[in-house]
PDB file of N, CA and C in Angstrom:
ATOM      1  N   MET A   1      15.675 -93.094 -35.356  1.00  0.00           N
ATOM      2  CA  MET A   1      15.344 -91.755 -35.784  1.00  0.00           C
ATOM      3  C   MET A   1      13.922 -91.384 -35.300  1.00  0.00           C
ATOM      4  N   GLU A   2      13.020 -92.309 -35.332  1.00  0.00           N
ATOM      5  CA  GLU A   2      11.673 -92.024 -34.888  1.00  0.00           C
ATOM      6  C   GLU A   2      11.667 -91.668 -33.415  1.00  0.00           C
ATOM      7  N   TYR A   3      12.403 -92.408 -32.609  1.00  0.00           N
ATOM      8  CA  TYR A   3      12.491 -92.091 -31.174  1.00  0.00           C
ATOM      9  C   TYR A   3      13.107 -90.695 -30.920  1.00  0.00           C
ATOM     10  N   ALA A   4      14.100 -90.349 -31.677  1.00  0.00           N
ATOM     11  CA  ALA A   4      14.759 -89.070 -31.561  1.00  0.00           C
ATOM     12  C   ALA A   4      13.799 -87.925 -31.903  1.00  0.00           C
ATOM     13  N   SER A   5      12.983 -88.166 -32.962  1.00  0.00           N
ATOM     14  CA  SER A   5      12.032 -87.114 -33.350  1.00  0.00           C
ATOM     15  C   SER A   5      10.875 -86.974 -32.382  1.00  0.00           C
ATOM     16  N   GLU A   6      10.647 -88.031 -31.623  1.00  0.00           N
ATOM     17  CA  GLU A   6       9.562 -87.947 -30.578  1.00  0.00           C
ATOM     18  C   GLU A   6      10.083 -87.203 -29.339  1.00  0.00           C
ATOM     19  N   ILE A   7      11.400 -87.264 -29.073  1.00  0.00           N
ATOM     20  CA  ILE A   7      11.892 -86.630 -27.890  1.00  0.00           C
ATOM     21  C   ILE A   7      12.053 -85.113 -28.102  1.00  0.00           C
ATOM     22  N   VAL A   8      12.518 -84.720 -29.253  1.00  0.00           N
ATOM     23  CA  VAL A   8      12.865 -83.289 -29.500  1.00  0.00           C
ATOM     24  C   VAL A   8      11.977 -82.783 -30.633  1.00  0.00           C
ATOM     25  N   ASN A   9      11.371 -81.610 -30.391  1.00  0.00           N
ATOM     26  CA  ASN A   9      10.599 -80.928 -31.460  1.00  0.00           C
ATOM     27  C   ASN A   9      11.598 -80.389 -32.457  1.00  0.00           C
ATOM     28  N   SER A  10      11.570 -80.901 -33.648  1.00  0.00           N
ATOM     29  CA  SER A  10      12.504 -80.468 -34.700  1.00  0.00           C
ATOM     30  C   SER A  10      11.838 -80.547 -36.083  1.00  0.00           C
ATOM     31  N   GLY A  11      12.509 -80.082 -37.051  1.00  0.00           N
ATOM     32  CA  GLY A  11      11.977 -80.138 -38.396  1.00  0.00           C
ATOM     33  C   GLY A  11      12.835 -79.420 -39.427  1.00  0.00           C
ATOM     34  N   MET A  12      12.233 -79.116 -40.540  1.00  0.00           N
ATOM     35  CA  MET A  12      12.962 -78.461 -41.616  1.00  0.00           C
ATOM     36  C   MET A  12      12.043 -77.380 -42.148  1.00  0.00           C
ATOM     37  N   ILE A  13      12.655 -76.231 -42.557  1.00  0.00           N
ATOM     38  CA  ILE A  13      11.895 -75.202 -43.268  1.00  0.00           C
ATOM     39  C   ILE A  13      12.564 -74.886 -44.549  1.00  0.00           C
ATOM     40  N   THR A  14      11.755 -74.533 -45.537  1.00  0.00           N
ATOM     41  CA  THR A  14      12.230 -74.025 -46.809  1.00  0.00           C
ATOM     42  C   THR A  14      12.068 -72.521 -46.778  1.00  0.00           C
ATOM     43  N   VAL A  15      13.128 -71.753 -46.953  1.00  0.00           N
ATOM     44  CA  VAL A  15      13.105 -70.331 -46.899  1.00  0.00           C
ATOM     45  C   VAL A  15      13.395 -69.746 -48.253  1.00  0.00           C
ATOM     46  N   PHE A  16      12.499 -68.886 -48.716  1.00  0.00           N
ATOM     47  CA  PHE A  16      12.662 -68.107 -49.933  1.00  0.00           C
ATOM     48  C   PHE A  16      13.017 -66.693 -49.475  1.00  0.00           C
ATOM     49  N   TYR A  17      14.175 -66.193 -49.898  1.00  0.00           N
ATOM     50  CA  TYR A  17      14.626 -64.903 -49.365  1.00  0.00           C
ATOM     51  C   TYR A  17      15.134 -64.042 -50.499  1.00  0.00           C
ATOM     52  N   GLY A  18      15.129 -62.731 -50.302  1.00  0.00           N
ATOM     53  CA  GLY A  18      15.631 -61.814 -51.284  1.00  0.00           C
ATOM     54  C   GLY A  18      17.087 -61.463 -51.050  1.00  0.00           C
ATOM     55  N   GLY A  19      17.651 -60.677 -51.930  1.00  0.00           N
ATOM     56  CA  GLY A  19      19.078 -60.360 -51.904  1.00  0.00           C
ATOM     57  C   GLY A  19      19.417 -59.497 -50.722  1.00  0.00           C
ATOM     58  N   ASN A  20      18.460 -58.811 -50.117  1.00  0.00           N
ATOM     59  CA  ASN A  20      18.741 -57.967 -48.947  1.00  0.00           C
ATOM     60  C   ASN A  20      18.486 -58.667 -47.620  1.00  0.00           C
ATOM     61  N   SER A  21      18.388 -59.974 -47.592  1.00  0.00           N
ATOM     62  CA  SER A  21      18.133 -60.701 -46.344  1.00  0.00           C
ATOM     63  C   SER A  21      19.376 -60.872 -45.531  1.00  0.00           C
ATOM     64  N   ASN A  22      19.172 -61.139 -44.227  1.00  0.00           N
ATOM     65  CA  ASN A  22      20.279 -61.343 -43.331  1.00  0.00           C
ATOM     66  C   ASN A  22      20.219 -62.810 -42.816  1.00  0.00           C
ATOM     67  N   LEU A  23      20.036 -63.760 -43.737  1.00  0.00           N
ATOM     68  CA  LEU A  23      19.875 -65.168 -43.309  1.00  0.00           C
ATOM     69  C   LEU A  23      21.078 -65.674 -42.513  1.00  0.00           C
ATOM     70  N   GLY A  24      22.260 -65.380 -42.978  1.00  0.00           N
ATOM     71  CA  GLY A  24      23.487 -65.837 -42.276  1.00  0.00           C
ATOM     72  C   GLY A  24      23.558 -65.307 -40.856  1.00  0.00           C
ATOM     73  N   LEU A  25      23.341 -64.049 -40.670  1.00  0.00           N
ATOM     74  CA  LEU A  25      23.417 -63.462 -39.371  1.00  0.00           C
ATOM     75  C   LEU A  25      22.261 -64.027 -38.443  1.00  0.00           C
ATOM     76  N   ALA A  26      21.082 -64.190 -38.957  1.00  0.00           N
ATOM     77  CA  ALA A  26      19.978 -64.679 -38.249  1.00  0.00           C
ATOM     78  C   ALA A  26      20.254 -66.125 -37.772  1.00  0.00           C
ATOM     79  N   MET A  27      20.859 -66.931 -38.700  1.00  0.00           N
ATOM     80  CA  MET A  27      21.190 -68.330 -38.287  1.00  0.00           C
ATOM     81  C   MET A  27      22.246 -68.381 -37.211  1.00  0.00           C
ATOM     82  N   GLU A  28      23.229 -67.508 -37.252  1.00  0.00           N
ATOM     83  CA  GLU A  28      24.240 -67.426 -36.208  1.00  0.00           C
ATOM     84  C   GLU A  28      23.601 -67.089 -34.886  1.00  0.00           C
ATOM     85  N   ALA A  29      22.762 -66.109 -34.875  1.00  0.00           N
ATOM     86  CA  ALA A  29      22.125 -65.642 -33.600  1.00  0.00           C
ATOM     87  C   ALA A  29      21.185 -66.720 -33.097  1.00  0.00           C
ATOM     88  N   ALA A  30      20.490 -67.399 -33.950  1.00  0.00           N
ATOM     89  CA  ALA A  30      19.591 -68.457 -33.520  1.00  0.00           C
ATOM     90  C   ALA A  30      20.314 -69.675 -32.971  1.00  0.00           C
ATOM     91  N   SER A  31      21.455 -69.997 -33.556  1.00  0.00           N
ATOM     92  CA  SER A  31      22.189 -71.183 -33.079  1.00  0.00           C
ATOM     93  C   SER A  31      22.958 -70.979 -31.825  1.00  0.00           C
ATOM     94  N   ILE A  32      23.169 -69.737 -31.388  1.00  0.00           N
ATOM     95  CA  ILE A  32      23.863 -69.427 -30.139  1.00  0.00           C
ATOM     96  C   ILE A  32      22.959 -69.932 -28.993  1.00  0.00           C
ATOM     97  N   ALA A  33      21.715 -69.606 -29.046  1.00  0.00           N
ATOM     98  CA  ALA A  33      20.782 -69.940 -27.955  1.00  0.00           C
ATOM     99  C   ALA A  33      20.281 -71.412 -28.023  1.00  0.00           C
ATOM    100  N   HIS A  34      20.325 -71.995 -29.192  1.00  0.00           N
ATOM    101  CA  HIS A  34      19.760 -73.358 -29.348  1.00  0.00           C
ATOM    102  C   HIS A  34      20.823 -74.200 -30.056  1.00  0.00           C
ATOM    103  N   PRO A  35      20.812 -75.513 -29.823  1.00  0.00           N
ATOM    104  CA  PRO A  35      21.866 -76.375 -30.278  1.00  0.00           C
ATOM    105  C   PRO A  35      21.987 -76.579 -31.814  1.00  0.00           C
ATOM    106  N   VAL A  36      20.893 -76.741 -32.547  1.00  0.00           N
ATOM    107  CA  VAL A  36      20.965 -77.158 -33.951  1.00  0.00           C
ATOM    108  C   VAL A  36      20.282 -76.140 -34.795  1.00  0.00           C
ATOM    109  N   CYS A  37      20.998 -75.585 -35.793  1.00  0.00           N
ATOM    110  CA  CYS A  37      20.465 -74.723 -36.850  1.00  0.00           C
ATOM    111  C   CYS A  37      21.469 -74.794 -37.990  1.00  0.00           C
ATOM    112  N   GLN A  38      21.113 -75.469 -39.051  1.00  0.00           N
ATOM    113  CA  GLN A  38      22.102 -75.616 -40.151  1.00  0.00           C
ATOM    114  C   GLN A  38      21.379 -75.736 -41.458  1.00  0.00           C
ATOM    115  N   ILE A  39      22.081 -75.446 -42.515  1.00  0.00           N
ATOM    116  CA  ILE A  39      21.512 -75.506 -43.824  1.00  0.00           C
ATOM    117  C   ILE A  39      21.577 -76.973 -44.285  1.00  0.00           C
ATOM    118  N   ALA A  40      20.407 -77.519 -44.643  1.00  0.00           N
ATOM    119  CA  ALA A  40      20.297 -78.904 -45.030  1.00  0.00           C
ATOM    120  C   ALA A  40      20.458 -79.073 -46.563  1.00  0.00           C
ATOM    121  N   ASN A  41      20.033 -78.035 -47.303  1.00  0.00           N
ATOM    122  CA  ASN A  41      20.092 -78.168 -48.797  1.00  0.00           C
ATOM    123  C   ASN A  41      20.011 -76.785 -49.397  1.00  0.00           C
ATOM    124  N   TYR A  42      20.856 -76.573 -50.434  1.00  0.00           N
ATOM    125  CA  TYR A  42      20.771 -75.376 -51.259  1.00  0.00           C
ATOM    126  C   TYR A  42      19.911 -75.735 -52.471  1.00  0.00           C
ATOM    127  N   ILE A  43      18.726 -75.239 -52.503  1.00  0.00           N
ATOM    128  CA  ILE A  43      17.822 -75.584 -53.656  1.00  0.00           C
ATOM    129  C   ILE A  43      18.249 -74.813 -54.873  1.00  0.00           C
ATOM    130  N   CYS A  44      18.285 -73.494 -54.768  1.00  0.00           N
ATOM    131  CA  CYS A  44      18.742 -72.621 -55.866  1.00  0.00           C
ATOM    132  C   CYS A  44      19.049 -71.252 -55.210  1.00  0.00           C
ATOM    133  N   GLU A  45      19.441 -70.325 -56.047  1.00  0.00           N
ATOM    134  CA  GLU A  45      19.716 -69.016 -55.484  1.00  0.00           C
ATOM    135  C   GLU A  45      18.488 -68.403 -54.850  1.00  0.00           C
ATOM    136  N   GLY A  46      18.550 -67.992 -53.602  1.00  0.00           N
ATOM    137  CA  GLY A  46      17.420 -67.396 -52.919  1.00  0.00           C
ATOM    138  C   GLY A  46      16.537 -68.414 -52.271  1.00  0.00           C
ATOM    139  N   THR A  47      16.890 -69.749 -52.272  1.00  0.00           N
ATOM    140  CA  THR A  47      16.083 -70.758 -51.649  1.00  0.00           C
ATOM    141  C   THR A  47      16.951 -71.734 -50.928  1.00  0.00           C
ATOM    142  N   LYS A  48      16.727 -71.943 -49.627  1.00  0.00           N
ATOM    143  CA  LYS A  48      17.484 -72.855 -48.832  1.00  0.00           C
ATOM    144  C   LYS A  48      16.535 -73.657 -47.963  1.00  0.00           C
ATOM    145  N   VAL A  49      16.983 -74.882 -47.614  1.00  0.00           N
ATOM    146  CA  VAL A  49      16.267 -75.689 -46.625  1.00  0.00           C
ATOM    147  C   VAL A  49      17.112 -75.667 -45.344  1.00  0.00           C
ATOM    148  N   ILE A  50      16.504 -75.345 -44.242  1.00  0.00           N
ATOM    149  CA  ILE A  50      17.236 -75.216 -42.961  1.00  0.00           C
ATOM    150  C   ILE A  50      16.608 -76.247 -42.026  1.00  0.00           C
ATOM    151  N   ALA A  51      17.505 -76.971 -41.307  1.00  0.00           N
ATOM    152  CA  ALA A  51      17.033 -78.019 -40.361  1.00  0.00           C
ATOM    153  C   ALA A  51      17.482 -77.606 -38.981  1.00  0.00           C
ATOM    154  N   GLY A  52      16.691 -78.010 -37.982  1.00  0.00           N
ATOM    155  CA  GLY A  52      17.025 -77.688 -36.573  1.00  0.00           C
ATOM    156  C   GLY A  52      15.869 -77.859 -35.661  1.00  0.00           C
ATOM    157  N   HIS A  53      16.068 -77.374 -34.454  1.00  0.00           N
ATOM    158  CA  HIS A  53      15.064 -77.447 -33.438  1.00  0.00           C
ATOM    159  C   HIS A  53      13.934 -76.438 -33.737  1.00  0.00           C
ATOM    160  N   TYR A  54      12.749 -76.743 -33.228  1.00  0.00           N
ATOM    161  CA  TYR A  54      11.577 -75.872 -33.494  1.00  0.00           C
ATOM    162  C   TYR A  54      11.831 -74.441 -32.927  1.00  0.00           C
ATOM    163  N   GLU A  55      12.424 -74.347 -31.745  1.00  0.00           N
ATOM    164  CA  GLU A  55      12.668 -73.104 -31.151  1.00  0.00           C
ATOM    165  C   GLU A  55      13.628 -72.220 -32.002  1.00  0.00           C
ATOM    166  N   VAL A  56      14.511 -72.893 -32.712  1.00  0.00           N
ATOM    167  CA  VAL A  56      15.436 -72.166 -33.619  1.00  0.00           C
ATOM    168  C   VAL A  56      14.639 -71.496 -34.746  1.00  0.00           C
ATOM    169  N   PHE A  57      13.639 -72.149 -35.237  1.00  0.00           N
ATOM    170  CA  PHE A  57      12.859 -71.623 -36.333  1.00  0.00           C
ATOM    171  C   PHE A  57      12.070 -70.400 -35.877  1.00  0.00           C
ATOM    172  N   LEU A  58      11.574 -70.406 -34.649  1.00  0.00           N
ATOM    173  CA  LEU A  58      10.859 -69.251 -34.148  1.00  0.00           C
ATOM    174  C   LEU A  58      11.830 -68.095 -34.055  1.00  0.00           C
ATOM    175  N   GLU A  59      13.006 -68.339 -33.489  1.00  0.00           N
ATOM    176  CA  GLU A  59      13.993 -67.252 -33.381  1.00  0.00           C
ATOM    177  C   GLU A  59      14.471 -66.775 -34.714  1.00  0.00           C
ATOM    178  N   LEU A  60      14.666 -67.674 -35.661  1.00  0.00           N
ATOM    179  CA  LEU A  60      15.157 -67.376 -36.986  1.00  0.00           C
ATOM    180  C   LEU A  60      14.135 -66.494 -37.725  1.00  0.00           C
ATOM    181  N   CYS A  61      12.844 -66.856 -37.650  1.00  0.00           N
ATOM    182  CA  CYS A  61      11.838 -66.074 -38.331  1.00  0.00           C
ATOM    183  C   CYS A  61      11.682 -64.707 -37.675  1.00  0.00           C
ATOM    184  N   TRP A  62      11.918 -64.612 -36.423  1.00  0.00           N
ATOM    185  CA  TRP A  62      11.801 -63.312 -35.741  1.00  0.00           C
ATOM    186  C   TRP A  62      12.961 -62.401 -36.153  1.00  0.00           C
ATOM    187  N   GLN A  63      14.163 -62.908 -36.365  1.00  0.00           N
ATOM    188  CA  GLN A  63      15.320 -62.081 -36.647  1.00  0.00           C
ATOM    189  C   GLN A  63      15.580 -61.822 -38.089  1.00  0.00           C
ATOM    190  N   MET A  64      15.049 -62.664 -38.959  1.00  0.00           N
ATOM    191  CA  MET A  64      15.403 -62.573 -40.382  1.00  0.00           C
ATOM    192  C   MET A  64      14.617 -61.470 -41.053  1.00  0.00           C
ATOM    193  N   LYS A  65      15.304 -60.633 -41.792  1.00  0.00           N
ATOM    194  CA  LYS A  65      14.726 -59.635 -42.621  1.00  0.00           C
ATOM    195  C   LYS A  65      14.932 -59.998 -44.075  1.00  0.00           C
ATOM    196  N   GLY A  66      13.969 -59.612 -44.887  1.00  0.00           N
ATOM    197  CA  GLY A  66      14.065 -59.893 -46.307  1.00  0.00           C
ATOM    198  C   GLY A  66      13.568 -61.276 -46.698  1.00  0.00           C
ATOM    199  N   MET A  67      12.810 -61.918 -45.799  1.00  0.00           N
ATOM    200  CA  MET A  67      12.266 -63.287 -46.099  1.00  0.00           C
ATOM    201  C   MET A  67      10.973 -63.076 -46.915  1.00  0.00           C
ATOM    202  N   LEU A  68      10.895 -63.802 -48.036  1.00  0.00           N
ATOM    203  CA  LEU A  68       9.752 -63.666 -48.883  1.00  0.00           C
ATOM    204  C   LEU A  68       8.632 -64.706 -48.555  1.00  0.00           C
ATOM    205  N   LYS A  69       9.059 -65.947 -48.377  1.00  0.00           N
ATOM    206  CA  LYS A  69       8.110 -67.063 -48.051  1.00  0.00           C
ATOM    207  C   LYS A  69       8.815 -68.046 -47.141  1.00  0.00           C
ATOM    208  N   ILE A  70       8.022 -68.794 -46.391  1.00  0.00           N
ATOM    209  CA  ILE A  70       8.610 -69.883 -45.581  1.00  0.00           C
ATOM    210  C   ILE A  70       7.582 -71.032 -45.499  1.00  0.00           C
ATOM    211  N   TYR A  71       8.071 -72.266 -45.666  1.00  0.00           N
ATOM    212  CA  TYR A  71       7.247 -73.448 -45.551  1.00  0.00           C
ATOM    213  C   TYR A  71       7.943 -74.381 -44.532  1.00  0.00           C
ATOM    214  N   GLY A  72       7.185 -74.981 -43.674  1.00  0.00           N
ATOM    215  CA  GLY A  72       7.783 -75.792 -42.630  1.00  0.00           C
ATOM    216  C   GLY A  72       7.233 -77.212 -42.538  1.00  0.00           C
ATOM    217  N   LEU A  73       8.048 -78.105 -42.038  1.00  0.00           N
ATOM    218  CA  LEU A  73       7.664 -79.470 -41.734  1.00  0.00           C
ATOM    219  C   LEU A  73       8.289 -79.811 -40.395  1.00  0.00           C
ATOM    220  N   PHE A  74       7.465 -80.070 -39.377  1.00  0.00           N
ATOM    221  CA  PHE A  74       7.918 -80.267 -38.065  1.00  0.00           C
ATOM    222  C   PHE A  74       7.451 -81.589 -37.493  1.00  0.00           C
ATOM    223  N   SER A  75       8.230 -82.199 -36.625  1.00  0.00           N
ATOM    224  CA  SER A  75       7.751 -83.413 -35.873  1.00  0.00           C
ATOM    225  C   SER A  75       7.331 -82.955 -34.490  1.00  0.00           C
ATOM    226  N   ALA A  76       6.321 -83.642 -33.987  1.00  0.00           N
ATOM    227  CA  ALA A  76       5.806 -83.188 -32.679  1.00  0.00           C
ATOM    228  C   ALA A  76       6.181 -84.253 -31.624  1.00  0.00           C
TER     229      ALA A  76
END
Protein backbone atom coordinates (compact mmCIF):
# COMPACT_ATOMS: atom_id res chain seq x y z
CA MET A 1 0.00 0.00 0.00
CA GLU A 2 2.87 2.36 0.72
CA TYR A 3 4.28 1.79 -2.77
CA ALA A 4 0.88 2.41 -4.34
CA SER A 5 0.44 5.64 -2.41
CA GLU A 6 3.86 6.82 -3.59
CA ILE A 7 3.00 6.17 -7.25
CA VAL A 8 -0.41 7.90 -7.35
CA ASN A 9 -1.43 11.12 -5.64
CA SER A 10 -4.54 10.11 -3.73
CA GLY A 11 -6.27 10.65 -0.45
CA MET A 12 -9.52 11.16 1.38
CA ILE A 13 -11.66 14.19 2.06
CA THR A 14 -14.39 14.77 4.60
CA VAL A 15 -17.20 16.81 3.08
CA PHE A 16 -19.82 18.68 5.11
CA TYR A 17 -22.66 19.63 2.80
CA GLY A 18 -26.12 21.14 2.98
CA GLY A 19 -29.42 19.81 1.73
CA ASN A 20 -29.18 21.78 -1.51
CA SER A 21 -25.81 20.29 -2.56
CA ASN A 22 -25.22 18.33 -5.74
CA LEU A 23 -22.65 15.90 -4.32
CA GLY A 24 -23.91 12.90 -6.31
CA LEU A 25 -23.84 14.72 -9.64
CA ALA A 26 -20.43 16.23 -8.89
CA MET A 27 -19.01 12.78 -8.03
CA GLU A 28 -20.36 11.31 -11.27
CA ALA A 29 -18.85 14.11 -13.32
CA ALA A 30 -15.50 13.87 -11.51
CA SER A 31 -15.26 10.09 -11.90
CA ILE A 32 -15.83 10.23 -15.67
CA ALA A 33 -12.54 12.02 -16.25
CA HIS A 34 -10.58 10.25 -13.49
CA PRO A 35 -10.53 6.61 -12.42
CA VAL A 36 -11.39 6.62 -8.69
CA CYS A 37 -13.96 8.68 -6.82
CA GLN A 38 -16.12 6.87 -4.27
CA ILE A 39 -17.72 7.28 -0.90
CA ALA A 40 -15.53 5.66 1.75
CA ASN A 41 -17.72 6.30 4.79
CA TYR A 42 -21.08 7.81 5.70
CA ILE A 43 -20.37 9.65 8.94
CA CYS A 44 -23.83 11.14 9.49
CA GLU A 45 -26.44 13.06 7.56
CA GLY A 46 -24.68 15.83 5.66
CA THR A 47 -21.19 14.39 6.20
CA LYS A 48 -19.35 11.90 3.99
CA VAL A 49 -15.77 10.76 3.50
CA ILE A 50 -14.78 10.49 -0.15
CA ALA A 51 -11.69 8.62 -1.38
CA GLY A 52 -9.95 8.92 -4.73
CA HIS A 53 -7.25 10.53 -6.81
CA TYR A 54 -6.10 14.05 -6.01
CA GLU A 55 -7.30 15.36 -9.40
CA VAL A 56 -10.78 14.06 -8.61
CA PHE A 57 -10.91 16.19 -5.48
CA LEU A 58 -9.99 19.32 -7.42
CA GLU A 59 -12.72 18.59 -9.96
CA LEU A 60 -15.21 17.67 -7.23
CA CYS A 61 -14.62 20.88 -5.29
CA TRP A 62 -14.97 22.91 -8.46
CA GLN A 63 -18.32 21.35 -9.44
CA MET A 64 -19.97 20.89 -6.06
CA LYS A 65 -22.49 23.47 -4.90
CA GLY A 66 -23.79 23.67 -1.35
CA MET A 67 -20.55 22.50 0.28
CA LEU A 68 -20.14 23.91 3.78
CA LYS A 69 -16.68 22.63 4.80
CA ILE A 70 -14.03 20.30 3.48
CA TYR A 71 -11.04 18.65 5.18
CA GLY A 72 -8.46 16.62 3.27
CA LEU A 73 -5.72 14.06 3.82
CA PHE A 74 -3.52 13.37 0.81
CA SER A 75 -0.45 11.26 0.07
CA ALA A 76 2.29 12.79 -2.01
